[in-house]
C-alpha atoms as a PDB file:
ATOM      1  CA  UNK A   1       0.000   0.000   0.000  1.00  0.00           C
ATOM      2  CA  UNK A   2       2.824   2.412   0.872  1.00  0.00           C
ATOM      3  CA  UNK A   3       4.462   1.707  -2.470  1.00  0.00           C
ATOM      4  CA  UNK A   4       1.219   2.462  -4.315  1.00  0.00           C
ATOM      5  CA  UNK A   5       0.739   5.682  -2.358  1.00  0.00           C
ATOM      6  CA  UNK A   6       4.288   6.670  -3.140  1.00  0.00           C
ATOM      7  CA  UNK A   7       3.736   6.184  -6.860  1.00  0.00           C
ATOM      8  CA  UNK A   8       0.554   8.239  -6.735  1.00  0.00           C
ATOM      9  CA  UNK A   9       2.301  11.023  -4.806  1.00  0.00           C
ATOM     10  CA  UNK A  10       5.224  11.053  -7.223  1.00  0.00           C
ATOM     11  CA  UNK A  11       2.869  11.207 -10.195  1.00  0.00           C
ATOM     12  CA  UNK A  12       1.014  14.097  -8.598  1.00  0.00           C
ATOM     13  CA  UNK A  13       4.286  15.973  -8.075  1.00  0.00           C
ATOM     14  CA  UNK A  14       5.268  15.376 -11.715  1.00  0.00           C
ATOM     15  CA  UNK A  15       1.921  16.705 -12.912  1.00  0.00           C
ATOM     16  CA  UNK A  16       2.281  19.741 -10.663  1.00  0.00           C
ATOM     17  CA  UNK A  17       5.817  20.434 -11.836  1.00  0.00           C
ATOM     18  CA  UNK A  18       4.655  20.200 -15.458  1.00  0.00           C
ATOM     19  CA  UNK A  19       2.242  23.046 -14.822  1.00  0.00           C
ATOM     20  CA  UNK A  20      -0.943  20.983 -15.234  1.00  0.00           C
ATOM     21  CA  UNK A  21      -3.635  22.174 -12.869  1.00  0.00           C
ATOM     22  CA  UNK A  22      -6.759  20.427 -11.656  1.00  0.00           C
ATOM     23  CA  UNK A  23      -9.943  22.182 -12.770  1.00  0.00           C
ATOM     24  CA  UNK A  24     -11.170  24.857 -10.385  1.00  0.00           C
ATOM     25  CA  UNK A  25     -14.605  23.237 -10.239  1.00  0.00           C
ATOM     26  CA  UNK A  26     -15.936  19.878 -11.389  1.00  0.00           C
ATOM     27  CA  UNK A  27     -18.698  21.274 -13.571  1.00  0.00           C
ATOM     28  CA  UNK A  28     -19.078  22.302 -17.187  1.00  0.00           C
ATOM     29  CA  UNK A  29     -19.059  26.125 -17.082  1.00  0.00           C
ATOM     30  CA  UNK A  30     -22.617  27.416 -17.257  1.00  0.00           C
ATOM     31  CA  UNK A  31     -24.225  23.944 -17.198  1.00  0.00           C
ATOM     32  CA  UNK A  32     -27.900  24.207 -16.222  1.00  0.00           C
ATOM     33  CA  UNK A  33     -29.296  20.765 -17.070  1.00  0.00           C
ATOM     34  CA  UNK A  34     -29.917  18.186 -19.774  1.00  0.00           C
ATOM     35  CA  UNK A  35     -31.341  19.629 -22.991  1.00  0.00           C
ATOM     36  CA  UNK A  36     -32.041  16.456 -24.996  1.00  0.00           C
ATOM     37  CA  UNK A  37     -31.272  12.800 -25.571  1.00  0.00           C
ATOM     38  CA  UNK A  38     -30.357  11.771 -29.113  1.00  0.00           C
ATOM     39  CA  UNK A  39     -31.546   8.451 -30.541  1.00  0.00           C
ATOM     40  CA  UNK A  40     -30.874   6.984 -33.994  1.00  0.00           C
ATOM     41  CA  UNK A  41     -33.907   5.191 -35.423  1.00  0.00           C
ATOM     42  CA  UNK A  42     -34.413   3.072 -38.565  1.00  0.00           C
ATOM     43  CA  UNK A  43     -37.463   5.022 -39.808  1.00  0.00           C
ATOM     44  CA  UNK A  44     -37.981   8.562 -38.575  1.00  0.00           C
ATOM     45  CA  UNK A  45     -41.630   8.661 -39.658  1.00  0.00           C
ATOM     46  CA  UNK A  46     -42.377   5.566 -37.586  1.00  0.00           C
ATOM     47  CA  UNK A  47     -40.466   7.045 -34.657  1.00  0.00           C
ATOM     48  CA  UNK A  48     -42.314  10.356 -34.808  1.00  0.00           C
ATOM     49  CA  UNK A  49     -45.642   8.526 -34.897  1.00  0.00           C
ATOM     50  CA  UNK A  50     -44.706   6.406 -31.882  1.00  0.00           C
ATOM     51  CA  UNK A  51     -43.421   9.269 -29.731  1.00  0.00           C
ATOM     52  CA  UNK A  52     -46.301  11.588 -30.645  1.00  0.00           C
ATOM     53  CA  UNK A  53     -49.296   9.225 -30.917  1.00  0.00           C
ATOM     54  CA  UNK A  54     -48.347   6.639 -28.274  1.00  0.00           C
ATOM     55  CA  UNK A  55     -46.003   8.314 -25.767  1.00  0.00           C
ATOM     56  CA  UNK A  56     -47.660  11.735 -26.036  1.00  0.00           C
ATOM     57  CA  UNK A  57     -44.732  13.959 -27.036  1.00  0.00           C
ATOM     58  CA  UNK A  58     -45.117  16.964 -29.358  1.00  0.00           C
ATOM     59  CA  UNK A  59     -43.057  17.392 -32.515  1.00  0.00           C
ATOM     60  CA  UNK A  60     -41.240  20.734 -32.544  1.00  0.00           C
ATOM     61  CA  UNK A  61     -39.183  20.661 -35.759  1.00  0.00           C
ATOM     62  CA  UNK A  62     -37.312  18.651 -38.403  1.00  0.00           C
ATOM     63  CA  UNK A  63     -34.267  19.444 -40.524  1.00  0.00           C
ATOM     64  CA  UNK A  64     -31.643  17.814 -42.724  1.00  0.00           C
ATOM     65  CA  UNK A  65     -30.215  16.065 -44.667  1.00  0.00           C
ATOM     66  CA  UNK A  66     -26.482  16.398 -43.859  1.00  0.00           C
ATOM     67  CA  UNK A  67     -23.708  14.720 -45.847  1.00  0.00           C
ATOM     68  CA  UNK A  68     -20.200  15.233 -47.209  1.00  0.00           C
ATOM     69  CA  UNK A  69     -19.486  13.140 -50.314  1.00  0.00           C
ATOM     70  CA  UNK A  70     -15.769  13.933 -50.527  1.00  0.00           C
ATOM     71  CA  UNK A  71     -14.397  15.206 -47.222  1.00  0.00           C
ATOM     72  CA  UNK A  72     -14.351  14.271 -43.539  1.00  0.00           C
ATOM     73  CA  UNK A  73     -16.977  16.712 -42.210  1.00  0.00           C
ATOM     74  CA  UNK A  74     -19.265  13.976 -40.830  1.00  0.00           C
ATOM     75  CA  UNK A  75     -16.385  12.203 -39.111  1.00  0.00           C
ATOM     76  CA  UNK A  76     -14.958  15.425 -37.702  1.00  0.00           C
ATOM     77  CA  UNK A  77     -18.289  16.767 -36.451  1.00  0.00           C
ATOM     78  CA  UNK A  78     -20.159  13.727 -35.104  1.00  0.00           C
ATOM     79  CA  UNK A  79     -17.610  10.843 -35.158  1.00  0.00           C
ATOM     80  CA  UNK A  80     -19.301   8.715 -37.834  1.00  0.00           C
ATOM     81  CA  UNK A  81     -18.107   7.241 -41.148  1.00  0.00           C
ATOM     82  CA  UNK A  82     -17.094  10.054 -43.541  1.00  0.00           C
ATOM     83  CA  UNK A  83     -19.747   8.899 -46.036  1.00  0.00           C
ATOM     84  CA  UNK A  84     -22.505   8.654 -43.428  1.00  0.00           C
ATOM     85  CA  UNK A  85     -25.638  10.629 -44.219  1.00  0.00           C
ATOM     86  CA  UNK A  86     -28.085  12.085 -41.708  1.00  0.00           C
ATOM     87  CA  UNK A  87     -31.281  11.815 -43.720  1.00  0.00           C
ATOM     88  CA  UNK A  88     -33.369  13.754 -41.210  1.00  0.00           C
ATOM     89  CA  UNK A  89     -33.348  15.037 -37.626  1.00  0.00           C
ATOM     90  CA  UNK A  90     -36.578  15.605 -35.688  1.00  0.00           C
ATOM     91  CA  UNK A  91     -36.991  16.985 -32.183  1.00  0.00           C
ATOM     92  CA  UNK A  92     -39.916  16.190 -29.914  1.00  0.00           C
ATOM     93  CA  UNK A  93     -40.830  17.639 -26.534  1.00  0.00           C
ATOM     94  CA  UNK A  94     -42.024  15.155 -23.940  1.00  0.00           C
ATOM     95  CA  UNK A  95     -44.039  16.701 -21.124  1.00  0.00           C
ATOM     96  CA  UNK A  96     -41.883  18.414 -18.501  1.00  0.00           C
ATOM     97  CA  UNK A  97     -38.813  16.269 -19.182  1.00  0.00           C
ATOM     98  CA  UNK A  98     -35.890  16.283 -21.556  1.00  0.00           C
ATOM     99  CA  UNK A  99     -36.427  16.718 -25.281  1.00  0.00           C
ATOM    100  CA  UNK A 100     -35.665  13.793 -27.630  1.00  0.00           C
ATOM    101  CA  UNK A 101     -33.671  14.233 -30.835  1.00  0.00           C
ATOM    102  CA  UNK A 102     -34.397  11.558 -33.429  1.00  0.00           C
ATOM    103  CA  UNK A 103     -31.868  10.795 -36.171  1.00  0.00           C
ATOM    104  CA  UNK A 104     -32.245   8.712 -39.307  1.00  0.00           C
ATOM    105  CA  UNK A 105     -28.809   7.772 -40.676  1.00  0.00           C
ATOM    106  CA  UNK A 106     -27.444   5.737 -43.532  1.00  0.00           C
ATOM    107  CA  UNK A 107     -23.773   4.737 -43.374  1.00  0.00           C
ATOM    108  CA  UNK A 108     -21.466   2.149 -44.986  1.00  0.00           C
ATOM    109  CA  UNK A 109     -20.550   0.699 -41.575  1.00  0.00           C
ATOM    110  CA  UNK A 110     -23.992   0.986 -39.980  1.00  0.00           C
ATOM    111  CA  UNK A 111     -24.973  -1.581 -37.336  1.00  0.00           C
ATOM    112  CA  UNK A 112     -28.695  -2.283 -37.227  1.00  0.00           C
ATOM    113  CA  UNK A 113     -28.877  -4.574 -34.193  1.00  0.00           C
ATOM    114  CA  UNK A 114     -30.328  -2.900 -31.108  1.00  0.00           C
ATOM    115  CA  UNK A 115     -28.009  -3.063 -28.053  1.00  0.00           C
ATOM    116  CA  UNK A 116     -29.239  -4.817 -24.933  1.00  0.00           C
ATOM    117  CA  UNK A 117     -29.086  -2.988 -21.611  1.00  0.00           C
ATOM    118  CA  UNK A 118     -26.139  -5.242 -20.711  1.00  0.00           C
ATOM    119  CA  UNK A 119     -24.125  -4.151 -23.775  1.00  0.00           C
ATOM    120  CA  UNK A 120     -21.663  -1.277 -23.723  1.00  0.00           C
ATOM    121  CA  UNK A 121     -23.712   1.606 -25.069  1.00  0.00           C
ATOM    122  CA  UNK A 122     -26.924  -0.058 -23.937  1.00  0.00           C
ATOM    123  CA  UNK A 123     -29.574   2.456 -22.935  1.00  0.00           C
ATOM    124  CA  UNK A 124     -33.236   3.092 -22.303  1.00  0.00           C
ATOM    125  CA  UNK A 125     -35.491   6.139 -22.038  1.00  0.00           C
ATOM    126  CA  UNK A 126     -37.615   6.439 -18.889  1.00  0.00           C
ATOM    127  CA  UNK A 127     -40.880   8.352 -18.627  1.00  0.00           C
ATOM    128  CA  UNK A 128     -42.439   9.294 -15.292  1.00  0.00           C
ATOM    129  CA  UNK A 129     -46.126   8.371 -15.014  1.00  0.00           C
ATOM    130  CA  UNK A 130     -48.541   9.213 -12.223  1.00  0.00           C
ATOM    131  CA  UNK A 131     -50.442   5.904 -12.454  1.00  0.00           C
ATOM    132  CA  UNK A 132     -48.296   3.005 -13.626  1.00  0.00           C
ATOM    133  CA  UNK A 133     -51.175   0.512 -13.593  1.00  0.00           C
ATOM    134  CA  UNK A 134     -53.100   2.768 -15.968  1.00  0.00           C
ATOM    135  CA  UNK A 135     -49.971   3.019 -18.127  1.00  0.00           C
ATOM    136  CA  UNK A 136     -49.689  -0.786 -18.229  1.00  0.00           C
ATOM    137  CA  UNK A 137     -53.311  -1.088 -19.343  1.00  0.00           C
ATOM    138  CA  UNK A 138     -52.764   1.599 -21.976  1.00  0.00           C
ATOM    139  CA  UNK A 139     -49.795  -0.314 -23.406  1.00  0.00           C
ATOM    140  CA  UNK A 140     -51.875  -3.485 -23.533  1.00  0.00           C
ATOM    141  CA  UNK A 141     -54.753  -1.741 -25.308  1.00  0.00           C
ATOM    142  CA  UNK A 142     -52.357  -0.306 -27.905  1.00  0.00           C
ATOM    143  CA  UNK A 143     -50.454  -3.533 -28.575  1.00  0.00           C
ATOM    144  CA  UNK A 144     -47.210  -2.250 -27.041  1.00  0.00           C
ATOM    145  CA  UNK A 145     -44.802  -4.992 -25.958  1.00  0.00           C
ATOM    146  CA  UNK A 146     -43.910  -4.885 -22.249  1.00  0.00           C
ATOM    147  CA  UNK A 147     -41.780  -6.952 -19.907  1.00  0.00           C
ATOM    148  CA  UNK A 148     -42.632  -8.211 -16.403  1.00  0.00           C
ATOM    149  CA  UNK A 149     -44.452  -5.744 -14.243  1.00  0.00           C
ATOM    150  CA  UNK A 150     -45.414  -3.243 -13.095  1.00  0.00           C
ATOM    151  CA  UNK A 151     -42.658  -4.243 -10.651  1.00  0.00           C
ATOM    152  CA  UNK A 152     -42.574  -2.543  -7.220  1.00  0.00           C
ATOM    153  CA  UNK A 153     -39.214  -1.958  -5.523  1.00  0.00           C
ATOM    154  CA  UNK A 154     -39.749  -2.524  -1.797  1.00  0.00           C
ATOM    155  CA  UNK A 155     -36.221  -2.582  -0.358  1.00  0.00           C
ATOM    156  CA  UNK A 156     -33.061  -0.489  -0.501  1.00  0.00           C
ATOM    157  CA  UNK A 157     -32.564   3.158  -1.423  1.00  0.00           C
ATOM    158  CA  UNK A 158     -34.874   2.904  -4.483  1.00  0.00           C
ATOM    159  CA  UNK A 159     -37.790   1.545  -2.433  1.00  0.00           C
ATOM    160  CA  UNK A 160     -40.978   3.357  -3.392  1.00  0.00           C
ATOM    161  CA  UNK A 161     -40.583   3.185  -7.151  1.00  0.00           C
ATOM    162  CA  UNK A 162     -42.512   0.920  -9.509  1.00  0.00           C
ATOM    163  CA  UNK A 163     -41.206   0.215 -13.002  1.00  0.00           C
ATOM    164  CA  UNK A 164     -42.374  -1.316 -16.263  1.00  0.00           C
ATOM    165  CA  UNK A 165     -40.192  -1.716 -19.352  1.00  0.00           C
ATOM    166  CA  UNK A 166     -41.816  -1.375 -22.772  1.00  0.00           C
ATOM    167  CA  UNK A 167     -40.651  -1.256 -26.389  1.00  0.00           C
ATOM    168  CA  UNK A 168     -41.006   0.907 -29.472  1.00  0.00           C
ATOM    169  CA  UNK A 169     -42.003  -1.018 -32.626  1.00  0.00           C
ATOM    170  CA  UNK A 170     -38.383  -1.091 -33.865  1.00  0.00           C
ATOM    171  CA  UNK A 171     -37.027  -2.484 -30.571  1.00  0.00           C
ATOM    172  CA  UNK A 172     -35.940   0.598 -28.610  1.00  0.00           C
ATOM    173  CA  UNK A 173     -36.303  -0.167 -24.903  1.00  0.00           C
ATOM    174  CA  UNK A 174     -38.167   2.355 -22.749  1.00  0.00           C
ATOM    175  CA  UNK A 175     -39.387   2.460 -19.172  1.00  0.00           C
ATOM    176  CA  UNK A 176     -42.414   3.757 -17.322  1.00  0.00           C
ATOM    177  CA  UNK A 177     -41.561   4.661 -13.728  1.00  0.00           C
ATOM    178  CA  UNK A 178     -43.603   5.999 -10.834  1.00  0.00           C
ATOM    179  CA  UNK A 179     -42.757   6.960  -7.233  1.00  0.00           C
ATOM    180  CA  UNK A 180     -45.557   9.264  -6.073  1.00  0.00           C
ATOM    181  CA  UNK A 181     -44.396   9.200  -2.444  1.00  0.00           C
ATOM    182  CA  UNK A 182     -40.715   9.505  -3.270  1.00  0.00           C
ATOM    183  CA  UNK A 183     -37.977   6.935  -2.724  1.00  0.00           C
ATOM    184  CA  UNK A 184     -36.341   5.736   0.474  1.00  0.00           C
ATOM    185  CA  UNK A 185     -32.979   7.429  -0.147  1.00  0.00           C
ATOM    186  CA  UNK A 186     -34.618  10.872  -0.067  1.00  0.00           C
ATOM    187  CA  UNK A 187     -35.113  10.577   3.687  1.00  0.00           C
ATOM    188  CA  UNK A 188     -31.342  10.408   4.291  1.00  0.00           C
ATOM    189  CA  UNK A 189     -30.647  13.974   3.163  1.00  0.00           C
ATOM    190  CA  UNK A 190     -28.202  14.904   0.450  1.00  0.00           C
ATOM    191  CA  UNK A 191     -28.864  15.389  -3.256  1.00  0.00           C
ATOM    192  CA  UNK A 192     -32.295  14.380  -4.542  1.00  0.00           C
ATOM    193  CA  UNK A 193     -32.730  13.251  -8.140  1.00  0.00           C
ATOM    194  CA  UNK A 194     -34.566  15.650 -10.454  1.00  0.00           C
ATOM    195  CA  UNK A 195     -38.090  14.439 -11.151  1.00  0.00           C
ATOM    196  CA  UNK A 196     -41.099  15.457 -13.207  1.00  0.00           C
ATOM    197  CA  UNK A 197     -43.511  14.252 -10.525  1.00  0.00           C
ATOM    198  CA  UNK A 198     -45.697  16.773  -8.751  1.00  0.00           C
ATOM    199  CA  UNK A 199     -44.177  17.909  -5.421  1.00  0.00           C
ATOM    200  CA  UNK A 200     -45.602  16.355  -2.270  1.00  0.00           C
ATOM    201  CA  UNK A 201     -48.197  18.526  -0.542  1.00  0.00           C
END
């Protein structure tokens, strides 16, 4: 342990002597919150229909296409294959939460298999609902695939939440979550997660 601490101390001294300084604060300057989540979809029309007609978001705008047939603009700007094409971008607003930016790409090296939550880069979008049982019934009535649940969490710091995973027609995994009385961790003090739920009266 002493040897490891010595190496760390020596490295810190070397960094200091090289004139490299730790950032004054661990925050992006001027950061106020999350603006949007970007998702690439196979068919942007299908995605817009799902997020507007099923989830209940509102479409704000669309633009595109973007391409560079000879240079490296696409690679330099968004880290994709130089010949990748963004066919269209659409932005939707979802209640009082983050906006969603939908992309439809074509690219020579495009992967079309949806990642699982266990894969690196795996992800899901979660929507807060006031009545998760009503949400589950709504999904059933509209032919939306769901997993087990609604599943209540009764132990640990997340106790108080109930979740239900569901899927967009093209396989994107989403989640409905509800915790009308808060979660157990909130009673311990400290930071509380941002939430769209109505404040307790």
